[in-house]
Amino acid sequence: MLRLIRMLTLMVCSRASKILLRDEDFLPHWMNQVWPAIKDLTVLDLSLPGTHDTMTYDLSTTFADGGMDDAAIAALLHDLGHLIKDAGSFVRTQAQTQNLNITEQLDNGIRFLDFRVMLTGGDWRSLHCVQSNGKALDYLQQVRTWLNDHPTELVVLWMSKHGNACAKGKDAYPGVSIDAKQTFWKEVEHLFGQLLVDDKSPVNTTSLGALLASGQRLVLYASDYVEFTGASTKAVDGCLVHTHGPLNLYDEEAAFPETVKILKDMPKTIESNKQVNMFELLSFADAVDTGPTEDLVKLNFDPVVRIMEARKDCASAYKIPNFTTAAWCPPTLLDIGQLSNYYNQVIIDAALQHGWGLPNAIYIDAVDVGGTLRVGPRLLSASPRDPPTCVVFKYTSCSDHQPTCDDGYAADGTKVHFDAYDSDGTEHTVCGWAWENHYRCCRQEPAAQDTARYAYVDSLVLHSIQVGCGRNASIPECNALRQALKTRRSRFPLTRWDDFMTGRLDSWPPLPTENDAHNSVPLLV
């Protein structure tokens, strides 16, 4: 029976000459669709689209044990966090990086999962400061189900507590015994069984074709490898994940040239890493800066905060031209991720345009449907029925009801009796009657910008095709595959515009030029 399944899998994979462009057909099966170009590559030749803090779409408001690197503070927050009104809800907004669930991420082309776990409150759960609603094994079961339903696809999953590849023992999982770690690992190993790539199939020398033929389709990197897995042959040491980054939204002018250098050197880095079985991961996810976080705490919890002073302090941390004038303090980590992605898209697009390299995986925040990145300001978690995007706003004069907003603005339902400041800093007086308020009117963003997206998955798939076709120019499907991916990318191209109020600029930082490309081969000609 196992042999029959393997034969059927290879038969399906061999029928990849027909390129399906619809997302519902292509993205869940993209490896199958580009199989002729990648089947002879190894995992360490691919460039996989990934998500950073994959599981944060389902966070609770309960502080996790080990949710912070300081174990004592983490334990205190876990036990006492509920006593601080709204603290858990606020922290959740500062911890959520994704909106699609794990199955939706895989269906939208994601093939690298940043799966963070901790024993918290007696159960293994995912975490990012606060713990997940569900248990870790329940989420992993969803991955197993997806793999069962998609027999032509391979997934790489990195399991750690806080993205520390080489952390060991108490540094990796503070307060957790070796027995507790290995008991959990045995459950994971039992769940995935023969799907796990074992040490007889090194990922630097075993082709994708050979892995799928043997039924091995989940590469699981585990940090704290020896204590966590008992040196299992079904896991790969997480210390073999080499992470660059994160990029720095708080200083894009410095981050741009630094990242260009990393990507120009990436082909050599990949080849060098393969010799020692190293997986190259590039983080496009921004670390949260303490300055803006402190300002957000003041704006949310300090009853005597100087509102415009806190907003300007927050905005100044981003070093975006004129951003202090706008005085926007992005209120959630998703807002920051979407702003960061606006600039990340430039780097990814330049890598394709100039023929630089890409890593074995990128992990990134705010992945959207269609395998895209949300780069516009409308919050990814907002529904069509939610109020308008409200980065730019102004308040009405005092009124006992919602007055009509000016043209180009729409009310979002917010009302303020005093301390009413427009987004540009204009202050409104305290309303004289208790039943009167200032009502907020939000600028109506152009639809094409508000929810703008960039073709993330298609860009990385195109790069993997180019690697495979570059190794074997005789693959007959190469031209059709390249053209199909270029057509897909054209639906969500690099899009820039000037709006310093939302931190999005058209000509800053300067786009990398042809002079940055060395002798590399462009993909987009």
Protein backbone atom coordinates (compact mmCIF):
# COMPACT_ATOMS: atom_id res chain seq x y z
CA MET A 1 0.00 0.00 0.00
CA LEU A 2 2.81 2.42 0.90
CA ARG A 3 4.52 1.72 -2.42
CA LEU A 4 1.28 2.40 -4.28
CA ILE A 5 0.85 5.76 -2.52
CA ARG A 6 4.41 6.73 -3.43
CA MET A 7 3.88 5.75 -7.06
CA LEU A 8 0.68 7.79 -7.23
CA THR A 9 2.46 10.77 -5.68
CA LEU A 10 5.18 10.67 -8.31
CA MET A 11 2.61 10.29 -11.07
CA VAL A 12 0.79 13.38 -9.82
CA CYS A 13 4.06 15.30 -9.57
CA SER A 14 5.07 14.34 -13.08
CA ARG A 15 1.96 15.94 -14.52
CA ALA A 16 2.99 19.50 -13.85
CA SER A 17 3.26 20.82 -17.39
CA LYS A 18 -0.22 22.34 -17.21
CA ILE A 19 0.18 25.59 -15.27
CA LEU A 20 -2.90 26.54 -13.26
CA LEU A 21 -3.16 30.25 -12.55
CA ARG A 22 -6.14 30.36 -10.22
CA ASP A 23 -5.08 30.71 -6.58
CA GLU A 24 -7.35 27.91 -5.42
CA ASP A 25 -5.53 25.55 -7.81
CA PHE A 26 -2.01 26.94 -7.84
CA LEU A 27 -1.13 28.11 -4.32
CA PRO A 28 -2.11 24.96 -2.37
CA HIS A 29 -0.20 22.85 -4.91
CA TRP A 30 2.55 25.12 -6.17
CA MET A 31 5.33 22.56 -5.72
CA ASN A 32 3.41 20.15 -7.92
CA GLN A 33 2.72 22.87 -10.46
CA VAL A 34 6.41 23.77 -10.84
CA TRP A 35 7.67 20.23 -10.23
CA PRO A 36 9.75 19.85 -13.44
CA ALA A 37 11.91 22.81 -12.36
CA ILE A 38 12.42 21.84 -8.70
CA LYS A 39 12.26 18.04 -8.45
CA ASP A 40 16.05 17.65 -8.72
CA LEU A 41 16.76 20.42 -6.19
CA THR A 42 17.27 19.89 -2.48
CA VAL A 43 15.47 21.76 0.29
CA LEU A 44 18.62 23.88 0.64
CA ASP A 45 18.31 25.06 -2.97
CA LEU A 46 14.74 26.35 -2.61
CA SER A 47 13.51 29.72 -1.43
CA LEU A 48 10.40 29.03 0.63
CA PRO A 49 7.78 31.65 1.56
CA GLY A 50 7.29 31.61 5.32
CA THR A 51 5.44 33.29 8.14
CA HIS A 52 7.00 34.77 11.26
CA ASP A 53 5.36 33.74 14.56
CA THR A 54 3.04 31.56 12.52
CA MET A 55 0.57 30.83 15.31
CA THR A 56 -0.13 34.34 16.58
CA TYR A 57 -3.48 34.54 14.78
CA ASP A 58 -4.98 32.63 17.73
CA LEU A 59 -3.54 34.28 20.84
CA SER A 60 -5.44 34.52 24.10
CA THR A 61 -5.09 37.31 26.65
CA THR A 62 -3.28 35.05 29.15
CA PHE A 63 0.42 35.74 29.64
CA ALA A 64 2.44 32.65 28.84
CA ASP A 65 4.98 30.99 31.12
CA GLY A 66 8.24 31.88 29.43
CA GLY A 67 6.46 34.43 27.31
CA MET A 68 9.32 36.82 27.93
CA ASP A 69 13.03 36.06 28.05
CA ASP A 70 13.10 37.11 31.71
CA ALA A 71 11.61 33.96 33.31
CA ALA A 72 10.73 35.65 36.63
CA ILE A 73 8.81 38.49 34.95
CA ALA A 74 7.12 36.00 32.61
CA ALA A 75 5.94 33.87 35.55
CA LEU A 76 4.67 36.95 37.40
CA LEU A 77 2.71 38.16 34.36
CA HIS A 78 1.23 34.72 33.83
CA ASP A 79 -0.01 34.60 37.44
CA LEU A 80 -1.00 38.25 37.92
CA GLY A 81 -1.64 39.62 34.44
CA HIS A 82 -5.39 39.24 34.84
CA LEU A 83 -5.31 41.76 37.70
CA ILE A 84 -4.18 44.55 35.36
CA LYS A 85 -7.28 45.62 33.48
CA ASP A 86 -6.98 45.09 29.72
CA ALA A 87 -3.24 44.27 29.99
CA GLY A 88 -3.62 40.92 28.22
CA SER A 89 -5.76 42.41 25.46
CA PHE A 90 -3.24 45.18 24.88
CA VAL A 91 -0.28 42.78 24.79
CA ARG A 92 -2.11 40.57 22.32
CA THR A 93 -2.30 43.52 19.89
CA GLN A 94 1.48 43.90 20.31
CA ALA A 95 2.07 40.18 19.69
CA GLN A 96 -0.17 39.25 16.74
CA THR A 97 1.79 39.02 13.49
CA GLN A 98 -0.59 36.89 11.37
CA ASN A 99 -4.29 36.85 10.56
CA LEU A 100 -4.62 33.72 8.43
CA ASN A 101 -4.87 30.44 10.34
CA ILE A 102 -2.29 27.73 9.77
CA THR A 103 -4.35 25.87 7.17
CA GLU A 104 -5.09 29.10 5.31
CA GLN A 105 -1.39 29.96 5.33
CA LEU A 106 -0.52 26.61 3.76
CA ASP A 107 -3.38 26.93 1.26
CA ASN A 108 -1.97 30.34 0.29
CA GLY A 109 1.45 28.92 -0.54
CA ILE A 110 3.35 29.24 2.74
CA ARG A 111 5.85 26.38 3.14
CA PHE A 112 7.97 27.54 6.10
CA LEU A 113 6.32 27.66 9.52
CA ASP A 114 7.86 29.43 12.53
CA PHE A 115 6.18 27.31 15.21
CA ARG A 116 6.92 28.58 18.74
CA VAL A 117 5.92 26.50 21.76
CA MET A 118 6.16 26.50 25.53
CA LEU A 119 4.83 24.45 28.41
CA THR A 120 2.48 26.99 29.98
CA GLY A 121 -0.30 26.45 32.47
CA GLY A 122 0.21 22.68 32.28
CA ASP A 123 -0.12 22.36 28.48
CA TRP A 124 2.16 22.87 25.50
CA ARG A 125 0.85 25.89 23.63
CA SER A 126 2.10 28.37 21.09
CA LEU A 127 3.06 31.78 22.37
CA HIS A 128 4.22 35.29 21.73
CA CYS A 129 4.19 36.99 25.12
CA VAL A 130 0.65 35.67 25.60
CA GLN A 131 -0.26 32.04 24.99
CA SER A 132 -2.43 30.59 22.26
CA ASN A 133 -6.05 29.64 22.83
CA GLY A 134 -5.46 26.14 21.50
CA LYS A 135 -2.90 23.49 22.34
CA ALA A 136 0.19 23.05 20.20
CA LEU A 137 -0.67 19.47 19.22
CA ASP A 138 -4.07 20.56 17.93
CA TYR A 139 -2.41 23.05 15.57
CA LEU A 140 0.13 20.44 14.49
CA GLN A 141 -2.72 18.05 13.75
CA GLN A 142 -4.00 20.65 11.29
CA VAL A 143 -0.59 20.59 9.58
CA ARG A 144 -0.74 16.78 9.44
CA THR A 145 -4.24 16.89 7.95
CA TRP A 146 -3.13 19.42 5.34
CA LEU A 147 -0.13 17.29 4.36
CA ASN A 148 -2.40 14.26 4.02
CA ASP A 149 -4.65 16.25 1.69
CA HIS A 150 -1.72 17.63 -0.39
CA PRO A 151 0.54 14.66 -1.15
CA THR A 152 2.76 16.60 -3.57
CA GLU A 153 3.82 19.33 -1.12
CA LEU A 154 6.69 19.55 1.36
CA VAL A 155 6.75 21.81 4.45
CA VAL A 156 9.61 23.00 6.65
CA LEU A 157 8.69 23.65 10.28
CA TRP A 158 11.01 25.20 12.85
CA MET A 159 10.05 24.52 16.46
CA SER A 160 11.52 26.73 19.17
CA LYS A 161 10.37 28.72 22.17
CA HIS A 162 11.39 32.17 21.02
CA GLY A 163 13.16 31.81 17.68
CA ASN A 164 16.53 31.13 19.29
CA ALA A 165 18.10 28.53 17.00
CA CYS A 166 20.93 27.37 19.26
CA ALA A 167 19.43 27.94 22.71
CA LYS A 168 19.77 24.87 24.92
CA GLY A 169 18.37 23.59 28.21
CA LYS A 170 16.98 26.27 30.50
CA ASP A 171 17.94 29.00 28.06
CA ALA A 172 15.63 27.40 25.49
CA TYR A 173 12.72 26.33 27.70
CA PRO A 174 13.07 27.88 31.17
CA GLY A 175 11.57 25.82 33.96
CA VAL A 176 10.74 22.83 31.74
CA SER A 177 12.22 19.42 32.56
CA ILE A 178 13.94 17.21 30.00
CA ASP A 179 11.28 14.58 30.61
CA ALA A 180 8.46 17.06 29.84
CA LYS A 181 10.19 18.14 26.64
CA GLN A 182 10.81 14.63 25.38
CA THR A 183 7.30 13.47 26.30
CA PHE A 184 5.90 16.24 24.12
CA TRP A 185 8.34 15.43 21.32
CA LYS A 186 7.26 11.78 21.31
CA GLU A 187 3.68 12.98 20.76
CA VAL A 188 4.85 15.14 17.85
CA GLU A 189 6.87 12.29 16.36
CA HIS A 190 3.94 9.91 16.69
CA LEU A 191 1.61 12.45 15.06
CA PHE A 192 3.70 12.90 11.92
CA GLY A 193 5.26 9.44 11.75
CA GLN A 194 6.75 8.59 8.36
CA LEU A 195 6.13 12.10 7.03
CA LEU A 196 9.14 13.34 9.02
CA VAL A 197 12.39 13.61 7.07
CA ASP A 198 14.94 11.45 8.89
CA ASP A 199 18.71 11.60 9.13
CA LYS A 200 19.10 9.00 6.37
CA SER A 201 17.89 11.67 3.94
CA PRO A 202 20.06 14.76 4.58
CA VAL A 203 18.28 17.82 3.25
CA ASN A 204 21.47 19.18 1.65
CA THR A 205 21.99 16.14 -0.60
CA THR A 206 18.59 14.47 -1.00
CA SER A 207 16.48 15.76 -3.90
CA LEU A 208 12.84 16.73 -3.50
CA GLY A 209 12.00 13.90 -5.88
CA ALA A 210 13.72 11.38 -3.62
CA LEU A 211 12.07 12.79 -0.48
CA LEU A 212 8.58 12.60 -1.95
CA ALA A 213 9.24 9.13 -3.34
CA SER A 214 10.07 7.98 0.18
CA GLY A 215 7.01 9.72 1.66
CA GLN A 216 9.08 12.21 3.69
CA ARG A 217 7.47 15.65 3.41
CA LEU A 218 7.97 17.46 6.72
CA VAL A 219 11.40 18.79 7.61
CA LEU A 220 11.21 19.58 11.33
CA TYR A 221 13.99 21.69 12.80
CA ALA A 222 13.97 21.53 16.61
CA SER A 223 15.89 23.96 18.79
CA ASP A 224 17.33 22.51 22.00
CA TYR A 225 17.64 19.43 19.80
CA VAL A 226 19.30 16.99 22.23
CA GLU A 227 17.18 17.71 25.31
CA PHE A 228 13.96 18.38 23.39
CA THR A 229 14.00 15.40 21.01
CA GLY A 230 16.50 13.09 22.68
CA ALA A 231 18.61 13.47 19.51
CA SER A 232 15.81 11.93 17.44
CA THR A 233 16.63 10.78 13.92
CA LYS A 234 13.27 12.27 12.87
CA ALA A 235 14.28 15.87 13.63
CA VAL A 236 17.01 18.22 12.43
CA ASP A 237 19.05 20.24 14.91
CA GLY A 238 17.58 23.76 15.07
CA CYS A 239 21.12 25.09 15.43
CA LEU A 240 21.42 24.44 11.69
CA VAL A 241 18.97 27.29 11.05
CA HIS A 242 21.03 30.41 10.39
CA THR A 243 18.92 33.54 10.75
CA HIS A 244 19.74 36.93 9.25
CA GLY A 245 17.85 39.91 10.57
CA PRO A 246 15.48 41.19 11.47
CA LEU A 247 15.48 44.06 9.04
CA ASN A 248 15.05 47.39 10.72
CA LEU A 249 11.94 49.41 9.99
CA TYR A 250 13.28 51.90 12.51
CA ASP A 251 16.20 52.75 10.20
CA GLU A 252 15.30 51.83 6.62
CA GLU A 253 18.07 53.96 5.15
CA ALA A 254 20.64 51.71 6.81
CA ALA A 255 18.64 48.50 6.36
CA PHE A 256 18.29 48.83 2.59
CA PRO A 257 21.99 48.70 1.64
CA GLU A 258 22.71 46.11 4.34
CA THR A 259 20.00 43.81 2.98
CA VAL A 260 21.10 44.39 -0.62
CA LYS A 261 24.58 43.19 0.36
CA ILE A 262 23.15 40.08 2.05
CA LEU A 263 21.11 39.20 -1.03
CA LYS A 264 23.92 39.87 -3.50
CA ASP A 265 26.11 37.49 -1.49
CA MET A 266 23.29 34.96 -1.01
CA PRO A 267 24.17 32.56 -3.89
CA LYS A 268 27.65 32.05 -2.42
CA THR A 269 26.20 31.83 1.08
CA ILE A 270 23.73 29.13 0.00
CA GLU A 271 26.43 27.03 -1.67
CA SER A 272 28.73 27.38 1.33
CA ASN A 273 25.94 26.51 3.76
CA LYS A 274 24.98 23.38 1.84
CA GLN A 275 28.37 21.92 2.59
CA VAL A 276 27.58 21.98 6.32
CA ASN A 277 23.82 21.36 5.97
CA MET A 278 22.92 24.91 7.11
CA PHE A 279 19.44 26.31 6.38
CA GLU A 280 19.56 30.04 5.54
CA LEU A 281 16.60 32.00 6.95
CA LEU A 282 16.11 35.73 6.38
CA SER A 283 13.84 37.59 8.76
CA PHE A 284 11.75 40.37 7.25
CA ALA A 285 9.89 40.72 10.54
CA ASP A 286 10.59 43.77 12.66
CA ALA A 287 11.44 43.42 16.31
CA VAL A 288 9.30 45.63 18.51
CA ASP A 289 11.22 48.71 19.62
CA THR A 290 10.92 49.54 23.30
CA GLY A 291 10.47 53.27 22.67
CA PRO A 292 7.26 53.09 20.62
CA THR A 293 5.92 50.36 22.91
CA GLU A 294 6.39 52.58 25.94
CA ASP A 295 4.60 55.40 24.13
CA LEU A 296 1.70 53.06 23.29
CA VAL A 297 1.48 52.00 26.94
CA LYS A 298 1.23 55.66 27.92
CA LEU A 299 -1.42 56.35 25.27
CA ASN A 300 -3.50 53.36 26.41
CA PHE A 301 -3.06 53.38 30.19
CA ASP A 302 -1.69 56.73 31.43
CA PRO A 303 -4.62 59.03 32.35
CA VAL A 304 -2.41 62.14 32.33
CA VAL A 305 -0.41 61.37 29.18
CA ARG A 306 0.50 64.27 26.92
CA ILE A 307 -1.06 62.78 23.82
CA MET A 308 0.77 64.63 21.07
CA GLU A 309 4.09 64.40 22.87
CA ALA A 310 3.72 60.60 23.12
CA ARG A 311 2.62 60.34 19.49
CA LYS A 312 5.57 62.38 18.24
CA ASP A 313 8.04 60.44 20.41
CA CYS A 314 6.65 57.21 18.95
CA ALA A 315 6.77 58.44 15.35
CA SER A 316 10.34 59.73 15.71
CA ALA A 317 11.59 56.18 16.35
CA TYR A 318 10.81 55.20 12.76
CA LYS A 319 13.07 57.83 11.14
CA ILE A 320 10.72 58.15 8.16
CA PRO A 321 10.85 61.65 6.63
CA ASN A 322 8.03 63.90 7.90
CA PHE A 323 6.61 61.05 9.99
CA THR A 324 6.97 63.09 13.17
CA THR A 325 4.78 65.74 11.55
CA ALA A 326 2.17 63.06 10.98
CA ALA A 327 2.63 61.87 14.58
CA TRP A 328 1.21 58.43 13.86
CA CYS A 329 2.05 55.80 16.44
CA PRO A 330 1.17 52.42 14.80
CA PRO A 331 -1.10 50.91 17.45
CA THR A 332 -0.59 47.18 16.78
CA LEU A 333 2.16 44.83 15.64
CA LEU A 334 0.13 44.09 12.52
CA ASP A 335 0.16 47.83 11.70
CA ILE A 336 3.95 47.76 12.07
CA GLY A 337 4.18 44.60 9.96
CA GLN A 338 2.16 46.11 7.14
CA LEU A 339 4.24 49.29 7.21
CA SER A 340 7.42 47.19 7.20
CA ASN A 341 6.08 45.12 4.28
CA TYR A 342 5.61 48.29 2.25
CA TYR A 343 9.42 48.57 2.26
CA ASN A 344 10.11 44.80 2.28
CA GLN A 345 8.38 44.48 -1.09
CA VAL A 346 10.96 46.84 -2.59
CA ILE A 347 13.86 44.61 -1.50
CA ILE A 348 12.22 41.37 -2.70
CA ASP A 349 11.32 42.92 -6.02
CA ALA A 350 14.82 44.32 -6.48
CA ALA A 351 16.31 40.87 -5.84
CA LEU A 352 14.25 39.48 -8.72
CA GLN A 353 14.80 42.51 -10.94
CA HIS A 354 18.59 42.41 -10.57
CA GLY A 355 19.07 38.66 -10.24
CA TRP A 356 20.39 38.58 -6.68
CA GLY A 357 19.94 35.54 -4.48
CA LEU A 358 17.22 34.71 -1.97
CA PRO A 359 17.56 32.58 1.19
CA ASN A 360 16.17 29.10 1.78
CA ALA A 361 13.22 30.80 3.45
CA ILE A 362 11.96 34.23 4.36
CA TYR A 363 9.71 34.66 7.34
CA ILE A 364 7.57 37.75 7.48
CA ASP A 365 4.52 39.33 9.12
CA ALA A 366 1.07 40.20 7.75
CA VAL A 367 0.68 37.56 5.04
CA ASP A 368 -2.56 38.10 3.13
CA VAL A 369 -4.77 35.97 0.91
CA GLY A 370 -3.55 35.12 -2.58
CA GLY A 371 -0.06 34.46 -1.22
CA THR A 372 0.47 38.21 -0.85
CA LEU A 373 1.80 40.66 1.70
CA ARG A 374 -0.50 43.39 2.98
CA VAL A 375 1.35 46.66 2.32
CA GLY A 376 -1.54 49.12 2.59
CA PRO A 377 -2.64 50.70 5.88
CA ARG A 378 -6.01 48.98 6.35
CA LEU A 379 -5.44 46.52 9.16
CA LEU A 380 -5.28 42.93 7.95
CA SER A 381 -7.58 41.76 10.74
CA ALA A 382 -10.32 44.28 9.81
CA SER A 383 -13.45 42.95 8.14
CA PRO A 384 -15.32 44.76 5.32
CA ARG A 385 -17.96 45.72 7.89
CA ASP A 386 -15.46 47.40 10.21
CA PRO A 387 -15.08 51.20 10.38
CA PRO A 388 -12.80 52.90 7.82
CA THR A 389 -9.05 52.96 8.13
CA CYS A 390 -8.29 55.74 10.59
CA VAL A 391 -4.63 56.67 10.41
CA VAL A 392 -5.54 60.18 9.22
CA PHE A 393 -8.47 61.74 11.06
CA LYS A 394 -9.97 64.91 12.46
CA TYR A 395 -12.58 65.59 15.09
CA THR A 396 -15.79 67.57 14.71
CA SER A 397 -16.79 70.45 16.93
CA CYS A 398 -18.79 69.61 20.05
CA SER A 399 -22.15 68.06 19.30
CA ASP A 400 -24.82 65.91 20.97
CA HIS A 401 -24.93 63.66 17.88
CA GLN A 402 -22.66 62.54 15.05
CA PRO A 403 -22.56 65.45 12.58
CA THR A 404 -21.80 65.00 8.90
CA CYS A 405 -18.11 64.56 8.11
CA ASP A 406 -16.37 66.63 5.44
CA ASP A 407 -16.09 65.23 1.94
CA GLY A 408 -13.45 62.52 1.77
CA TYR A 409 -13.94 61.60 5.43
CA ALA A 410 -16.23 59.09 7.16
CA ALA A 411 -17.22 58.63 10.80
CA ASP A 412 -15.90 55.55 12.60
CA GLY A 413 -18.08 55.89 15.71
CA THR A 414 -15.36 57.20 18.05
CA LYS A 415 -16.34 60.09 20.30
CA VAL A 416 -14.24 62.08 22.77
CA HIS A 417 -15.38 64.61 25.37
CA PHE A 418 -11.94 66.14 25.93
CA ASP A 419 -8.32 65.53 24.83
CA ALA A 420 -9.43 65.51 21.19
CA TYR A 421 -6.40 65.85 18.91
CA ASP A 422 -6.55 65.50 15.14
CA SER A 423 -3.90 63.30 13.51
CA ASP A 424 -1.98 66.45 12.53
CA GLY A 425 -1.95 67.65 16.14
CA THR A 426 -4.80 70.17 16.01
CA GLU A 427 -6.33 70.34 19.50
CA HIS A 428 -10.06 70.77 20.19
CA THR A 429 -11.50 72.40 23.29
CA VAL A 430 -13.29 70.55 26.06
CA CYS A 431 -17.00 70.27 25.33
CA GLY A 432 -19.03 72.57 27.55
CA TRP A 433 -21.98 70.22 28.12
CA ALA A 434 -21.76 66.73 29.55
CA TRP A 435 -23.85 65.27 26.71
CA GLU A 436 -21.66 66.75 23.98
CA ASN A 437 -18.66 65.11 22.35
CA HIS A 438 -16.22 65.52 19.52
CA TYR A 439 -16.82 62.82 16.86
CA ARG A 440 -13.96 61.39 14.81
CA CYS A 441 -13.97 61.55 11.02
CA CYS A 442 -11.48 59.32 9.21
CA ARG A 443 -9.91 60.05 5.86
CA GLN A 444 -11.25 57.67 3.22
CA GLU A 445 -8.19 55.99 1.74
CA PRO A 446 -8.03 55.23 -2.00
CA ALA A 447 -9.06 51.58 -2.34
CA ALA A 448 -6.00 50.66 -4.41
CA GLN A 449 -3.73 51.87 -1.61
CA ASP A 450 -5.80 51.00 1.45
CA THR A 451 -5.58 47.23 0.95
CA ALA A 452 -2.58 47.14 -1.42
CA ARG A 453 -0.83 43.77 -1.63
CA TYR A 454 2.41 42.39 -3.05
CA ALA A 455 2.93 39.00 -4.73
CA TYR A 456 5.08 37.38 -2.01
CA VAL A 457 4.66 33.66 -2.68
CA ASP A 458 4.79 33.99 -6.46
CA SER A 459 8.02 35.99 -6.23
CA LEU A 460 9.80 33.30 -4.21
CA VAL A 461 8.40 30.50 -6.36
CA LEU A 462 9.72 32.31 -9.46
CA HIS A 463 13.16 32.43 -7.86
CA SER A 464 13.10 28.69 -7.09
CA ILE A 465 12.10 28.00 -10.70
CA GLN A 466 15.03 30.07 -11.89
CA VAL A 467 17.43 28.12 -9.67
CA GLY A 468 16.17 24.79 -11.00
CA CYS A 469 16.11 25.90 -14.62
CA GLY A 470 19.55 27.45 -14.22
CA ARG A 471 20.89 24.07 -13.11
CA ASN A 472 19.27 22.26 -16.02
CA ALA A 473 18.55 24.42 -19.06
CA SER A 474 17.12 21.43 -20.95
CA ILE A 475 13.92 21.27 -18.85
CA PRO A 476 11.24 21.83 -21.52
CA GLU A 477 8.73 23.44 -19.16
CA CYS A 478 11.05 26.23 -17.96
CA ASN A 479 9.89 29.00 -20.27
CA ALA A 480 6.22 28.26 -19.64
CA LEU A 481 6.79 28.15 -15.89
CA ARG A 482 8.66 31.45 -15.86
CA GLN A 483 5.98 33.14 -17.91
CA ALA A 484 3.18 31.73 -15.74
CA LEU A 485 4.78 33.11 -12.58
CA LYS A 486 5.50 36.47 -14.16
CA THR A 487 1.84 36.66 -15.18
CA ARG A 488 0.75 35.79 -11.65
CA ARG A 489 3.09 38.40 -10.16
CA SER A 490 1.66 41.09 -12.43
CA ARG A 491 -1.63 40.96 -10.49
CA PHE A 492 0.06 42.26 -7.34
CA PRO A 493 3.12 44.22 -8.48
CA LEU A 494 5.41 46.45 -6.46
CA THR A 495 3.25 49.49 -5.63
CA ARG A 496 4.55 52.69 -4.04
CA TRP A 497 2.93 56.03 -3.33
CA ASP A 498 3.59 59.17 -1.31
CA ASP A 499 1.69 59.52 1.96
CA PHE A 500 3.93 60.48 4.86
CA MET A 501 0.87 60.45 7.14
CA THR A 502 0.85 56.63 6.92
CA GLY A 503 4.65 56.33 6.61
CA ARG A 504 4.60 55.24 2.96
CA LEU A 505 6.92 57.09 0.58
CA ASP A 506 7.51 56.66 -3.13
CA SER A 507 11.17 57.59 -3.48
CA TRP A 508 12.56 56.89 -0.02
CA PRO A 509 14.75 55.03 0.61
CA PRO A 510 16.15 55.12 -2.95
CA LEU A 511 15.49 52.00 -5.01
CA PRO A 512 18.56 49.81 -5.56
CA THR A 513 19.92 50.38 -9.07
CA GLU A 514 21.45 48.27 -11.81
CA ASN A 515 24.89 49.22 -10.45
CA ASP A 516 24.08 47.17 -7.35
CA ALA A 517 23.55 44.00 -9.37
CA HIS A 518 27.14 42.90 -10.12
CA ASN A 519 27.07 40.33 -12.92
CA SER A 520 23.88 38.61 -11.80
CA VAL A 521 21.11 37.55 -14.16
CA PRO A 522 17.79 39.44 -13.84
CA LEU A 523 14.61 37.37 -13.61
CA LEU A 524 12.11 39.95 -14.79
CA VAL A 525 13.30 40.79 -18.28
